Amino acid sequence: MGEQYGVSRHTVRHAFQDLVADGLVDRIPGRGTFVNEISKRGKYLRSIDTLEEMLTWVGTEMRVLNSIEIVEDAEAASRLALPSPKVASLAIVRLYEGTPLFVSYISLPPDIGRRLRESGLPSDGPGTVIGSVERLFSLPVAGASLDITAVSTPSRVSEVMGYEPGEAVLRVERLFYSNDGTPLEYANSYYNPKQNSYRIELRRWSPI
């Protein structure tokens, strides 16, 4: 491969390490490296190493299902640490090559939602809602917390994803926050398990 592509053995080795890390190939000691069944099924595979990658969703597109509305949602308001139950609410679907990967029901602080709506954001195409928030308000997103569970498909999700109500889906509850810990976006996303795979790699911490 090094001769074919004009690169060093180190570069080839590093490329294979990336393929293994992304879950595209499996290494079997004594036998070799093989394309696995996940790759053959054509799932969307993405290794998330930084917050920036979560803010962009490279290679996918966003379709806005409804414009931002101010509604009462006590649970979302609580997660956003708001003084009243009112939040700015919208829904989007994330597409990969025209296929829905997941649908997200997003809640924002009302003032942020109003500014986004006045600016005509978010819009269909590349990018994310939280990415629009970061650019419009110059508020660096410092971190995100995720809670992943398997649930039965809610009826509102089945209509978008083409699932039967009650069919199993992955729900990812996500909260983005700023440098001072202020919540910026709270979202419940429902992932198509036929198109998504989660893979986590852990390393033992060692002091410098």
N, C-alpha and C. Protein backbone atom coordinates (compact mmCIF):
# COMPACT_ATOMS: atom_id res chain seq x y z
N MET A 1 0.83 -1.21 0.00
CA MET A 1 0.00 0.00 0.00
C MET A 1 0.86 1.25 0.00
N GLY A 2 2.00 1.16 0.72
CA GLY A 2 2.90 2.29 0.71
C GLY A 2 3.41 2.60 -0.68
N GLU A 3 3.76 1.54 -1.44
CA GLU A 3 4.24 1.74 -2.82
C GLU A 3 3.12 2.24 -3.72
N GLN A 4 1.92 1.71 -3.54
CA GLN A 4 0.80 2.08 -4.40
C GLN A 4 0.42 3.55 -4.23
N TYR A 5 0.44 4.04 -2.99
CA TYR A 5 -0.02 5.41 -2.74
C TYR A 5 1.14 6.37 -2.47
N GLY A 6 2.37 5.86 -2.53
CA GLY A 6 3.51 6.73 -2.35
C GLY A 6 3.64 7.32 -0.97
N VAL A 7 3.36 6.50 0.05
CA VAL A 7 3.44 6.98 1.43
C VAL A 7 4.32 6.01 2.22
N SER A 8 4.69 6.44 3.43
CA SER A 8 5.57 5.62 4.27
C SER A 8 4.79 4.52 4.98
N ARG A 9 5.53 3.53 5.50
CA ARG A 9 4.91 2.46 6.28
C ARG A 9 4.22 3.03 7.52
N HIS A 10 4.82 4.08 8.10
CA HIS A 10 4.21 4.70 9.28
C HIS A 10 2.84 5.28 8.93
N THR A 11 2.72 5.92 7.77
CA THR A 11 1.44 6.50 7.36
C THR A 11 0.39 5.41 7.15
N VAL A 12 0.78 4.30 6.51
CA VAL A 12 -0.14 3.18 6.30
C VAL A 12 -0.59 2.61 7.64
N ARG A 13 0.36 2.43 8.54
CA ARG A 13 0.04 1.87 9.87
C ARG A 13 -0.94 2.79 10.60
N HIS A 14 -0.69 4.10 10.53
CA HIS A 14 -1.57 5.05 11.20
C HIS A 14 -2.96 5.04 10.58
N ALA A 15 -3.04 4.90 9.26
CA ALA A 15 -4.34 4.85 8.58
C ALA A 15 -5.14 3.64 9.04
N PHE A 16 -4.47 2.48 9.18
CA PHE A 16 -5.15 1.29 9.66
C PHE A 16 -5.62 1.47 11.10
N GLN A 17 -4.82 2.15 11.91
CA GLN A 17 -5.23 2.42 13.29
C GLN A 17 -6.49 3.26 13.33
N ASP A 18 -6.58 4.25 12.42
CA ASP A 18 -7.79 5.08 12.35
C ASP A 18 -9.00 4.26 11.93
N LEU A 19 -8.81 3.33 10.98
CA LEU A 19 -9.92 2.48 10.54
C LEU A 19 -10.41 1.58 11.67
N VAL A 20 -9.48 1.07 12.45
CA VAL A 20 -9.85 0.24 13.60
C VAL A 20 -10.60 1.09 14.63
N ALA A 21 -10.08 2.29 14.91
CA ALA A 21 -10.71 3.18 15.89
C ALA A 21 -12.11 3.58 15.47
N ASP A 22 -12.33 3.75 14.17
CA ASP A 22 -13.65 4.13 13.65
C ASP A 22 -14.59 2.94 13.53
N GLY A 23 -14.12 1.74 13.84
CA GLY A 23 -14.97 0.58 13.80
C GLY A 23 -15.24 0.04 12.41
N LEU A 24 -14.40 0.43 11.43
CA LEU A 24 -14.61 -0.01 10.05
C LEU A 24 -13.97 -1.35 9.76
N VAL A 25 -12.90 -1.67 10.47
CA VAL A 25 -12.22 -2.95 10.27
C VAL A 25 -11.90 -3.58 11.62
N ASP A 26 -11.71 -4.89 11.59
CA ASP A 26 -11.33 -5.62 12.80
C ASP A 26 -9.97 -6.26 12.60
N ARG A 27 -9.15 -6.21 13.62
CA ARG A 27 -7.85 -6.88 13.59
C ARG A 27 -7.94 -8.17 14.40
N ILE A 28 -7.58 -9.29 13.76
CA ILE A 28 -7.59 -10.59 14.43
C ILE A 28 -6.15 -11.08 14.49
N PRO A 29 -5.57 -11.17 15.69
CA PRO A 29 -4.17 -11.60 15.82
C PRO A 29 -3.92 -12.93 15.12
N GLY A 30 -2.87 -12.98 14.33
CA GLY A 30 -2.50 -14.20 13.64
C GLY A 30 -3.23 -14.44 12.34
N ARG A 31 -4.26 -13.63 12.05
CA ARG A 31 -5.04 -13.83 10.82
C ARG A 31 -4.98 -12.63 9.89
N GLY A 32 -5.08 -11.42 10.46
CA GLY A 32 -5.02 -10.25 9.60
C GLY A 32 -6.08 -9.22 9.96
N THR A 33 -6.31 -8.27 9.03
CA THR A 33 -7.27 -7.19 9.22
C THR A 33 -8.40 -7.36 8.22
N PHE A 34 -9.65 -7.26 8.71
CA PHE A 34 -10.80 -7.56 7.87
C PHE A 34 -11.86 -6.46 7.97
N VAL A 35 -12.52 -6.18 6.84
CA VAL A 35 -13.68 -5.28 6.84
C VAL A 35 -14.78 -5.97 7.61
N ASN A 36 -15.40 -5.26 8.57
CA ASN A 36 -16.41 -5.91 9.39
C ASN A 36 -17.82 -5.71 8.84
N GLU A 37 -18.79 -6.34 9.50
CA GLU A 37 -20.16 -6.32 9.01
C GLU A 37 -20.80 -4.94 9.11
N ILE A 38 -20.35 -4.12 10.08
CA ILE A 38 -20.90 -2.77 10.20
C ILE A 38 -20.58 -1.97 8.96
N SER A 39 -19.35 -2.06 8.46
CA SER A 39 -18.97 -1.35 7.25
C SER A 39 -19.78 -1.83 6.05
N LYS A 40 -19.99 -3.15 5.96
CA LYS A 40 -20.71 -3.70 4.82
C LYS A 40 -22.16 -3.25 4.80
N ARG A 41 -22.73 -2.97 5.98
CA ARG A 41 -24.13 -2.54 6.02
C ARG A 41 -24.28 -1.08 5.66
N GLY A 42 -23.18 -0.36 5.56
CA GLY A 42 -23.25 1.03 5.13
C GLY A 42 -23.77 1.98 6.19
N LYS A 43 -23.51 1.69 7.46
CA LYS A 43 -23.94 2.60 8.51
C LYS A 43 -23.10 3.87 8.50
N TYR A 44 -23.68 4.94 9.08
CA TYR A 44 -22.92 6.16 9.27
C TYR A 44 -22.04 5.97 10.49
N LEU A 45 -20.74 5.99 10.28
CA LEU A 45 -19.79 5.78 11.36
C LEU A 45 -18.95 7.03 11.54
N ARG A 46 -18.84 7.49 12.78
CA ARG A 46 -18.07 8.69 13.02
C ARG A 46 -17.42 8.58 14.38
N SER A 47 -16.13 8.84 14.41
CA SER A 47 -15.39 8.84 15.67
C SER A 47 -15.39 10.26 16.21
N ILE A 48 -15.95 10.45 17.41
CA ILE A 48 -16.02 11.78 18.01
C ILE A 48 -14.92 11.90 19.05
N ASP A 49 -13.92 12.70 18.73
CA ASP A 49 -12.79 12.90 19.64
C ASP A 49 -12.82 14.28 20.29
N THR A 50 -13.56 15.23 19.70
CA THR A 50 -13.59 16.59 20.22
C THR A 50 -15.01 17.12 20.22
N LEU A 51 -15.23 18.16 21.02
CA LEU A 51 -16.53 18.81 21.04
C LEU A 51 -16.84 19.45 19.69
N GLU A 52 -15.81 19.95 19.02
CA GLU A 52 -16.01 20.59 17.72
C GLU A 52 -16.68 19.65 16.73
N GLU A 53 -16.33 18.36 16.78
CA GLU A 53 -16.93 17.39 15.86
C GLU A 53 -18.40 17.19 16.16
N MET A 54 -18.78 17.28 17.42
CA MET A 54 -20.18 17.15 17.78
C MET A 54 -20.98 18.39 17.36
N LEU A 55 -20.30 19.53 17.25
CA LEU A 55 -20.97 20.77 16.87
C LEU A 55 -21.19 20.88 15.37
N THR A 56 -20.55 20.04 14.57
CA THR A 56 -20.63 20.20 13.12
C THR A 56 -21.34 19.06 12.40
N TRP A 57 -21.19 17.83 12.88
CA TRP A 57 -21.77 16.67 12.19
C TRP A 57 -21.40 16.66 10.72
N VAL A 58 -20.10 16.62 10.46
CA VAL A 58 -19.57 16.65 9.10
C VAL A 58 -20.15 15.51 8.27
N GLY A 59 -20.51 15.83 7.02
CA GLY A 59 -21.01 14.81 6.10
C GLY A 59 -22.50 14.57 6.19
N THR A 60 -23.20 15.33 7.04
CA THR A 60 -24.64 15.18 7.17
C THR A 60 -25.32 16.53 6.91
N GLU A 61 -26.64 16.49 6.81
CA GLU A 61 -27.42 17.71 6.63
C GLU A 61 -28.55 17.76 7.65
N MET A 62 -28.95 18.96 7.99
CA MET A 62 -30.04 19.18 8.93
C MET A 62 -31.28 19.67 8.19
N ARG A 63 -32.43 19.10 8.53
CA ARG A 63 -33.68 19.61 8.00
C ARG A 63 -34.54 20.06 9.16
N VAL A 64 -34.95 21.31 9.14
CA VAL A 64 -35.75 21.88 10.22
C VAL A 64 -37.21 21.49 10.01
N LEU A 65 -37.80 20.85 11.03
CA LEU A 65 -39.17 20.35 10.91
C LEU A 65 -40.19 21.40 11.29
N ASN A 66 -39.84 22.31 12.17
CA ASN A 66 -40.76 23.38 12.53
C ASN A 66 -39.98 24.58 13.02
N SER A 67 -40.54 25.77 12.82
CA SER A 67 -39.88 26.99 13.26
C SER A 67 -39.88 27.08 14.78
N ILE A 68 -39.03 27.92 15.31
CA ILE A 68 -38.90 28.06 16.75
C ILE A 68 -40.16 28.68 17.35
N GLU A 69 -40.66 28.04 18.39
CA GLU A 69 -41.84 28.52 19.10
C GLU A 69 -41.53 28.62 20.59
N ILE A 70 -42.18 29.56 21.27
CA ILE A 70 -42.05 29.68 22.71
C ILE A 70 -43.19 28.89 23.34
N VAL A 71 -42.83 27.87 24.11
CA VAL A 71 -43.82 26.98 24.72
C VAL A 71 -43.48 26.79 26.19
N GLU A 72 -44.40 26.14 26.90
CA GLU A 72 -44.14 25.80 28.30
C GLU A 72 -43.73 24.33 28.38
N ASP A 73 -42.56 24.09 28.95
CA ASP A 73 -42.04 22.74 29.14
C ASP A 73 -41.23 22.76 30.42
N ALA A 74 -41.86 22.36 31.50
CA ALA A 74 -41.22 22.47 32.82
C ALA A 74 -39.95 21.64 32.92
N GLU A 75 -39.96 20.43 32.33
CA GLU A 75 -38.77 19.57 32.42
C GLU A 75 -37.59 20.18 31.68
N ALA A 76 -37.82 20.65 30.44
CA ALA A 76 -36.74 21.27 29.67
C ALA A 76 -36.26 22.54 30.34
N ALA A 77 -37.20 23.35 30.88
CA ALA A 77 -36.82 24.58 31.56
C ALA A 77 -35.95 24.29 32.77
N SER A 78 -36.27 23.21 33.47
CA SER A 78 -35.47 22.82 34.63
C SER A 78 -34.06 22.43 34.21
N ARG A 79 -33.93 21.67 33.12
CA ARG A 79 -32.60 21.26 32.65
C ARG A 79 -31.79 22.45 32.18
N LEU A 80 -32.48 23.50 31.69
CA LEU A 80 -31.79 24.71 31.24
C LEU A 80 -31.62 25.73 32.37
N ALA A 81 -32.05 25.36 33.57
CA ALA A 81 -31.93 26.23 34.76
C ALA A 81 -32.61 27.57 34.54
N LEU A 82 -33.81 27.54 33.96
CA LEU A 82 -34.56 28.76 33.68
C LEU A 82 -35.51 29.07 34.84
N PRO A 83 -35.81 30.36 35.06
CA PRO A 83 -36.68 30.73 36.19
C PRO A 83 -38.15 30.48 35.93
N SER A 84 -38.56 30.28 34.68
CA SER A 84 -39.96 30.01 34.35
C SER A 84 -40.03 28.78 33.44
N PRO A 85 -41.21 28.19 33.26
CA PRO A 85 -41.32 26.98 32.43
C PRO A 85 -41.27 27.23 30.93
N LYS A 86 -41.11 28.48 30.51
CA LYS A 86 -41.11 28.78 29.08
C LYS A 86 -39.74 28.53 28.46
N VAL A 87 -39.76 27.85 27.30
CA VAL A 87 -38.54 27.58 26.53
C VAL A 87 -38.82 27.83 25.06
N ALA A 88 -37.75 28.01 24.30
CA ALA A 88 -37.85 28.06 22.84
C ALA A 88 -37.69 26.64 22.32
N SER A 89 -38.63 26.20 21.51
CA SER A 89 -38.66 24.80 21.10
C SER A 89 -38.67 24.66 19.59
N LEU A 90 -37.97 23.65 19.08
CA LEU A 90 -38.00 23.30 17.67
C LEU A 90 -37.60 21.85 17.50
N ALA A 91 -37.81 21.33 16.30
CA ALA A 91 -37.43 19.95 15.99
C ALA A 91 -36.68 19.93 14.67
N ILE A 92 -35.66 19.06 14.60
CA ILE A 92 -34.89 18.90 13.36
C ILE A 92 -34.67 17.41 13.12
N VAL A 93 -34.41 17.07 11.87
CA VAL A 93 -34.00 15.70 11.54
C VAL A 93 -32.64 15.78 10.87
N ARG A 94 -31.74 14.87 11.26
CA ARG A 94 -30.39 14.82 10.70
C ARG A 94 -30.36 13.74 9.62
N LEU A 95 -29.88 14.11 8.43
CA LEU A 95 -29.89 13.22 7.28
C LEU A 95 -28.47 12.87 6.84
N TYR A 96 -28.29 11.62 6.46
CA TYR A 96 -27.05 11.16 5.86
C TYR A 96 -27.38 10.50 4.53
N GLU A 97 -26.94 11.13 3.43
CA GLU A 97 -27.25 10.66 2.09
C GLU A 97 -28.74 10.47 1.91
N GLY A 98 -29.52 11.41 2.45
CA GLY A 98 -30.96 11.40 2.30
C GLY A 98 -31.71 10.51 3.28
N THR A 99 -30.99 9.72 4.08
CA THR A 99 -31.61 8.81 5.04
C THR A 99 -31.62 9.43 6.43
N PRO A 100 -32.76 9.45 7.13
CA PRO A 100 -32.80 10.01 8.48
C PRO A 100 -31.93 9.22 9.45
N LEU A 101 -30.99 9.91 10.10
CA LEU A 101 -30.17 9.30 11.14
C LEU A 101 -30.85 9.41 12.49
N PHE A 102 -31.38 10.60 12.76
CA PHE A 102 -32.08 10.82 14.02
C PHE A 102 -32.93 12.07 13.93
N VAL A 103 -33.89 12.15 14.82
CA VAL A 103 -34.71 13.35 14.96
C VAL A 103 -34.46 13.91 16.35
N SER A 104 -34.33 15.23 16.44
CA SER A 104 -34.03 15.90 17.71
C SER A 104 -35.11 16.90 18.06
N TYR A 105 -35.52 16.87 19.32
CA TYR A 105 -36.45 17.86 19.86
C TYR A 105 -35.64 18.74 20.80
N ILE A 106 -35.46 19.98 20.39
CA ILE A 106 -34.48 20.87 21.01
C ILE A 106 -35.16 21.99 21.78
N SER A 107 -34.63 22.27 22.96
CA SER A 107 -35.11 23.38 23.78
C SER A 107 -33.96 24.34 24.05
N LEU A 108 -34.28 25.63 23.98
CA LEU A 108 -33.30 26.69 24.19
C LEU A 108 -33.88 27.73 25.15
N PRO A 109 -33.04 28.52 25.82
CA PRO A 109 -33.55 29.66 26.57
C PRO A 109 -34.34 30.57 25.62
N PRO A 110 -35.47 31.12 26.06
CA PRO A 110 -36.32 31.92 25.17
C PRO A 110 -35.61 33.06 24.44
N ASP A 111 -34.70 33.78 25.14
CA ASP A 111 -34.03 34.90 24.49
C ASP A 111 -33.14 34.42 23.35
N ILE A 112 -32.49 33.28 23.53
CA ILE A 112 -31.67 32.72 22.46
C ILE A 112 -32.54 32.27 21.30
N GLY A 113 -33.66 31.62 21.61
CA GLY A 113 -34.57 31.18 20.56
C GLY A 113 -35.12 32.33 19.74
N ARG A 114 -35.49 33.42 20.39
CA ARG A 114 -36.03 34.57 19.66
C ARG A 114 -34.98 35.18 18.73
N ARG A 115 -33.76 35.29 19.22
CA ARG A 115 -32.69 35.85 18.37
C ARG A 115 -32.42 34.97 17.17
N LEU A 116 -32.41 33.67 17.39
CA LEU A 116 -32.21 32.75 16.26
C LEU A 116 -33.32 32.92 15.23
N ARG A 117 -34.55 32.97 15.70
CA ARG A 117 -35.70 33.10 14.79
C ARG A 117 -35.63 34.41 14.02
N GLU A 118 -35.27 35.48 14.68
CA GLU A 118 -35.15 36.78 14.01
C GLU A 118 -34.05 36.78 12.95
N SER A 119 -33.04 35.96 13.16
CA SER A 119 -31.92 35.88 12.22
C SER A 119 -32.14 34.84 11.12
N GLY A 120 -33.31 34.19 11.14
CA GLY A 120 -33.59 33.17 10.14
C GLY A 120 -32.85 31.87 10.36
N LEU A 121 -32.48 31.62 11.59
CA LEU A 121 -31.73 30.41 11.94
C LEU A 121 -32.57 29.54 12.88
N PRO A 122 -32.30 28.23 12.89
CA PRO A 122 -31.40 27.49 11.98
C PRO A 122 -32.06 27.29 10.63
N SER A 123 -31.27 26.91 9.65
CA SER A 123 -31.79 26.68 8.30
C SER A 123 -31.37 25.29 7.82
N ASP A 124 -32.08 24.80 6.81
CA ASP A 124 -31.75 23.50 6.25
C ASP A 124 -30.34 23.51 5.66
N GLY A 125 -29.65 22.38 5.79
CA GLY A 125 -28.31 22.26 5.22
C GLY A 125 -27.31 21.80 6.25
N PRO A 126 -26.01 21.98 5.97
CA PRO A 126 -24.98 21.57 6.93
C PRO A 126 -25.07 22.39 8.21
N GLY A 127 -24.49 21.87 9.27
CA GLY A 127 -24.45 22.62 10.52
C GLY A 127 -25.41 22.08 11.56
N THR A 128 -25.41 22.74 12.72
CA THR A 128 -26.23 22.33 13.86
C THR A 128 -26.87 23.54 14.50
N VAL A 129 -27.88 23.30 15.33
CA VAL A 129 -28.53 24.39 16.06
C VAL A 129 -27.55 25.01 17.04
N ILE A 130 -26.85 24.17 17.81
CA ILE A 130 -25.91 24.71 18.80
C ILE A 130 -24.76 25.44 18.13
N GLY A 131 -24.39 25.01 16.93
CA GLY A 131 -23.37 25.74 16.17
C GLY A 131 -23.84 27.12 15.81
N SER A 132 -25.13 27.25 15.45
CA SER A 132 -25.70 28.57 15.15
C SER A 132 -25.73 29.45 16.38
N VAL A 133 -26.05 28.84 17.53
CA VAL A 133 -26.05 29.59 18.80
C VAL A 133 -24.67 30.12 19.10
N GLU A 134 -23.66 29.28 18.94
CA GLU A 134 -22.29 29.68 19.24
C GLU A 134 -21.85 30.84 18.36
N ARG A 135 -22.17 30.78 17.06
CA ARG A 135 -21.76 31.85 16.13
C ARG A 135 -22.53 33.14 16.38
N LEU A 136 -23.84 33.04 16.56
CA LEU A 136 -24.67 34.24 16.69
C LEU A 136 -24.38 35.01 17.97
N PHE A 137 -24.16 34.30 19.06
CA PHE A 137 -24.00 34.95 20.35
C PHE A 137 -22.54 35.05 20.79
N SER A 138 -21.63 34.51 19.98
CA SER A 138 -20.21 34.48 20.37
C SER A 138 -20.05 33.86 21.76
N LEU A 139 -20.80 32.77 21.98
CA LEU A 139 -20.75 32.05 23.24
C LEU A 139 -20.04 30.72 23.01
N PRO A 140 -18.77 30.62 23.36
CA PRO A 140 -18.08 29.34 23.16
C PRO A 140 -18.74 28.22 23.96
N VAL A 141 -19.04 27.12 23.28
CA VAL A 141 -19.59 25.96 23.96
C VAL A 141 -18.43 25.22 24.62
N ALA A 142 -18.50 25.09 25.95
CA ALA A 142 -17.38 24.53 26.69
C ALA A 142 -17.49 23.02 26.85
N GLY A 143 -18.70 22.49 26.84
CA GLY A 143 -18.85 21.05 27.06
C GLY A 143 -20.25 20.57 26.82
N ALA A 144 -20.42 19.26 26.92
CA ALA A 144 -21.73 18.64 26.73
C ALA A 144 -21.81 17.38 27.57
N SER A 145 -22.98 17.12 28.12
CA SER A 145 -23.23 15.87 28.83
C SER A 145 -24.24 15.06 28.04
N LEU A 146 -24.05 13.73 27.99
CA LEU A 146 -24.91 12.86 27.23
C LEU A 146 -25.41 11.71 28.10
N ASP A 147 -26.66 11.35 27.90
CA ASP A 147 -27.26 10.20 28.57
C ASP A 147 -27.92 9.36 27.50
N ILE A 148 -27.46 8.11 27.29
CA ILE A 148 -27.93 7.27 26.20
C ILE A 148 -28.73 6.10 26.77
N THR A 149 -29.96 5.95 26.28
CA THR A 149 -30.82 4.86 26.71
C THR A 149 -31.58 4.29 25.52
N ALA A 150 -32.09 3.07 25.67
CA ALA A 150 -32.95 2.47 24.66
C ALA A 150 -34.40 2.64 25.11
N VAL A 151 -35.26 3.13 24.21
CA VAL A 151 -36.65 3.38 24.55
C VAL A 151 -37.55 2.89 23.41
N SER A 152 -38.84 2.81 23.69
CA SER A 152 -39.82 2.52 22.65
C SER A 152 -40.08 3.79 21.85
N THR A 153 -40.27 3.65 20.57
CA THR A 153 -40.44 4.81 19.69
C THR A 153 -41.69 5.60 20.04
N PRO A 154 -41.56 6.88 20.43
CA PRO A 154 -42.74 7.72 20.62
C PRO A 154 -43.45 7.95 19.28
N SER A 155 -44.74 8.21 19.32
CA SER A 155 -45.51 8.36 18.09
C SER A 155 -44.98 9.50 17.22
N ARG A 156 -44.56 10.61 17.84
CA ARG A 156 -44.08 11.74 17.06
C ARG A 156 -42.77 11.41 16.34
N VAL A 157 -42.00 10.47 16.90
CA VAL A 157 -40.76 10.04 16.27
C VAL A 157 -41.04 9.08 15.12
N SER A 158 -41.99 8.18 15.33
CA SER A 158 -42.30 7.19 14.30
C SER A 158 -42.78 7.85 13.02
N GLU A 159 -43.46 8.97 13.13
CA GLU A 159 -43.96 9.68 11.95
C GLU A 159 -42.81 10.21 11.11
N VAL A 160 -41.74 10.62 11.75
CA VAL A 160 -40.59 11.19 11.03
C VAL A 160 -39.66 10.10 10.53
N MET A 161 -39.39 9.10 11.37
CA MET A 161 -38.41 8.07 11.06
C MET A 161 -38.98 6.89 10.29
N GLY A 162 -40.31 6.84 10.18
CA GLY A 162 -40.92 5.72 9.47
C GLY A 162 -40.92 4.45 10.28
N TYR A 163 -40.95 4.57 11.60
CA TYR A 163 -40.96 3.42 12.50
C TYR A 163 -42.38 3.14 12.96
N GLU A 164 -42.58 1.92 13.42
CA GLU A 164 -43.83 1.58 14.09
C GLU A 164 -43.74 2.03 15.54
N PRO A 165 -44.80 2.64 16.08
CA PRO A 165 -44.76 3.01 17.50
C PRO A 165 -44.45 1.81 18.36
N GLY A 166 -43.55 1.98 19.32
CA GLY A 166 -43.15 0.89 20.19
C GLY A 166 -41.87 0.21 19.76
N GLU A 167 -41.43 0.42 18.52
CA GLU A 167 -40.17 -0.16 18.06
C GLU A 167 -39.01 0.48 18.81
N ALA A 168 -37.96 -0.29 19.08
CA ALA A 168 -36.85 0.20 19.90
C ALA A 168 -36.00 1.21 19.15
N VAL A 169 -35.64 2.29 19.82
CA VAL A 169 -34.72 3.29 19.28
C VAL A 169 -33.77 3.71 20.40
N LEU A 170 -32.67 4.36 20.00
CA LEU A 170 -31.73 4.92 20.98
C LEU A 170 -32.09 6.38 21.24
N ARG A 171 -32.28 6.70 22.51
CA ARG A 171 -32.52 8.10 22.87
C ARG A 171 -31.27 8.67 23.50
N VAL A 172 -30.82 9.80 22.96
CA VAL A 172 -29.65 10.49 23.51
C VAL A 172 -30.12 11.83 24.06
N GLU A 173 -30.02 11.97 25.37
CA GLU A 173 -30.36 13.22 26.04
C GLU A 173 -29.07 14.02 26.16
N ARG A 174 -29.07 15.23 25.59
CA ARG A 174 -27.83 16.00 25.49
C ARG A 174 -28.04 17.41 26.04
N LEU A 175 -27.05 17.87 26.81
CA LEU A 175 -27.07 19.23 27.35
C LEU A 175 -25.75 19.91 27.04
N PHE A 176 -25.80 21.00 26.29
CA PHE A 176 -24.61 21.80 26.00
C PHE A 176 -24.55 22.97 26.98
N TYR A 177 -23.34 23.33 27.40
CA TYR A 177 -23.21 24.44 28.33
C TYR A 177 -21.98 25.29 27.99
N SER A 178 -21.98 26.53 28.49
CA SER A 178 -20.92 27.50 28.19
C SER A 178 -19.80 27.39 29.21
N ASN A 179 -18.82 28.29 29.08
CA ASN A 179 -17.64 28.26 29.96
C ASN A 179 -17.99 28.40 31.44
N ASP A 180 -19.02 29.20 31.74
CA ASP A 180 -19.39 29.41 33.14
C ASP A 180 -20.43 28.40 33.62
N GLY A 181 -20.70 27.39 32.79
CA GLY A 181 -21.64 26.34 33.19
C GLY A 181 -23.08 26.63 32.86
N THR A 182 -23.36 27.74 32.19
CA THR A 182 -24.74 28.09 31.83
C THR A 182 -25.25 27.17 30.72
N PRO A 183 -26.38 26.49 30.93
CA PRO A 183 -26.93 25.63 29.87
C PRO A 183 -27.35 26.45 28.65
N LEU A 184 -27.01 25.96 27.46
CA LEU A 184 -27.32 26.66 26.22
C LEU A 184 -28.34 25.92 25.36
N GLU A 185 -28.31 24.60 25.41
CA GLU A 185 -29.25 23.80 24.61
C GLU A 185 -29.50 22.47 25.30
N TYR A 186 -30.76 22.09 25.33
CA TYR A 186 -31.15 20.78 25.84
C TYR A 186 -31.90 20.05 24.73
N ALA A 187 -31.50 18.81 24.43
CA ALA A 187 -32.11 18.09 23.31
C ALA A 187 -32.34 16.64 23.66
N ASN A 188 -33.45 16.12 23.15
CA ASN A 188 -33.71 14.69 23.16
C ASN A 188 -33.69 14.22 21.72
N SER A 189 -32.74 13.34 21.41
CA SER A 189 -32.57 12.86 20.04
C SER A 189 -32.85 11.36 20.00
N TYR A 190 -33.57 10.95 18.95
CA TYR A 190 -33.94 9.55 18.79
C TYR A 190 -33.25 9.02 17.54
N TYR A 191 -32.34 8.06 17.74
CA TYR A 191 -31.46 7.56 16.69
C TYR A 191 -31.99 6.27 16.09
N ASN A 192 -31.86 6.18 14.77
CA ASN A 192 -32.19 4.96 14.05
C ASN A 192 -31.09 3.93 14.30
N PRO A 193 -31.33 2.85 15.06
CA PRO A 193 -30.27 1.90 15.36
C PRO A 193 -29.80 1.12 14.13
N LYS A 194 -30.58 1.16 13.05
CA LYS A 194 -30.18 0.48 11.83
C LYS A 194 -29.15 1.30 11.06
N GLN A 195 -29.03 2.59 11.40
CA GLN A 195 -28.11 3.47 10.69
C GLN A 195 -27.01 4.03 11.57
N ASN A 196 -27.06 3.76 12.86
CA ASN A 196 -26.10 4.35 13.79
C ASN A 196 -25.44 3.27 14.64
N SER A 197 -24.17 3.48 14.93
CA SER A 197 -23.43 2.62 15.85
C SER A 197 -22.66 3.52 16.81
N TYR A 198 -22.72 3.18 18.10
CA TYR A 198 -21.93 3.89 19.10
C TYR A 198 -20.76 3.02 19.50
N ARG A 199 -19.59 3.61 19.50
CA ARG A 199 -18.39 2.89 19.90
C ARG A 199 -17.56 3.79 20.79
N ILE A 200 -17.19 3.30 21.97
CA ILE A 200 -16.42 4.09 22.93
C ILE A 200 -15.09 3.39 23.19
N GLU A 201 -14.01 4.15 23.10
CA GLU A 201 -12.69 3.59 23.38
C GLU A 201 -12.15 4.25 24.65
N LEU A 202 -11.74 3.44 25.61
CA LEU A 202 -11.24 3.94 26.88
C LEU A 202 -9.77 3.60 27.03
N ARG A 203 -9.02 4.52 27.59
CA ARG A 203 -7.61 4.30 27.87
C ARG A 203 -7.34 4.53 29.35
N ARG A 204 -6.42 3.76 29.89
CA ARG A 204 -6.07 3.95 31.30
C ARG A 204 -5.29 5.25 31.46
N TRP A 205 -5.68 6.04 32.47
CA TRP A 205 -4.99 7.28 32.74
C TRP A 205 -3.64 6.99 33.39
N SER A 206 -2.63 7.72 32.96
CA SER A 206 -1.32 7.58 33.60
C SER A 206 -0.73 8.97 33.82
N PRO A 207 -0.17 9.23 34.98
CA PRO A 207 0.41 10.56 35.26
C PRO A 207 1.61 10.83 34.39
N ILE A 208 1.81 12.09 34.08
CA ILE A 208 2.98 12.50 33.25
C ILE A 208 4.24 12.44 34.10
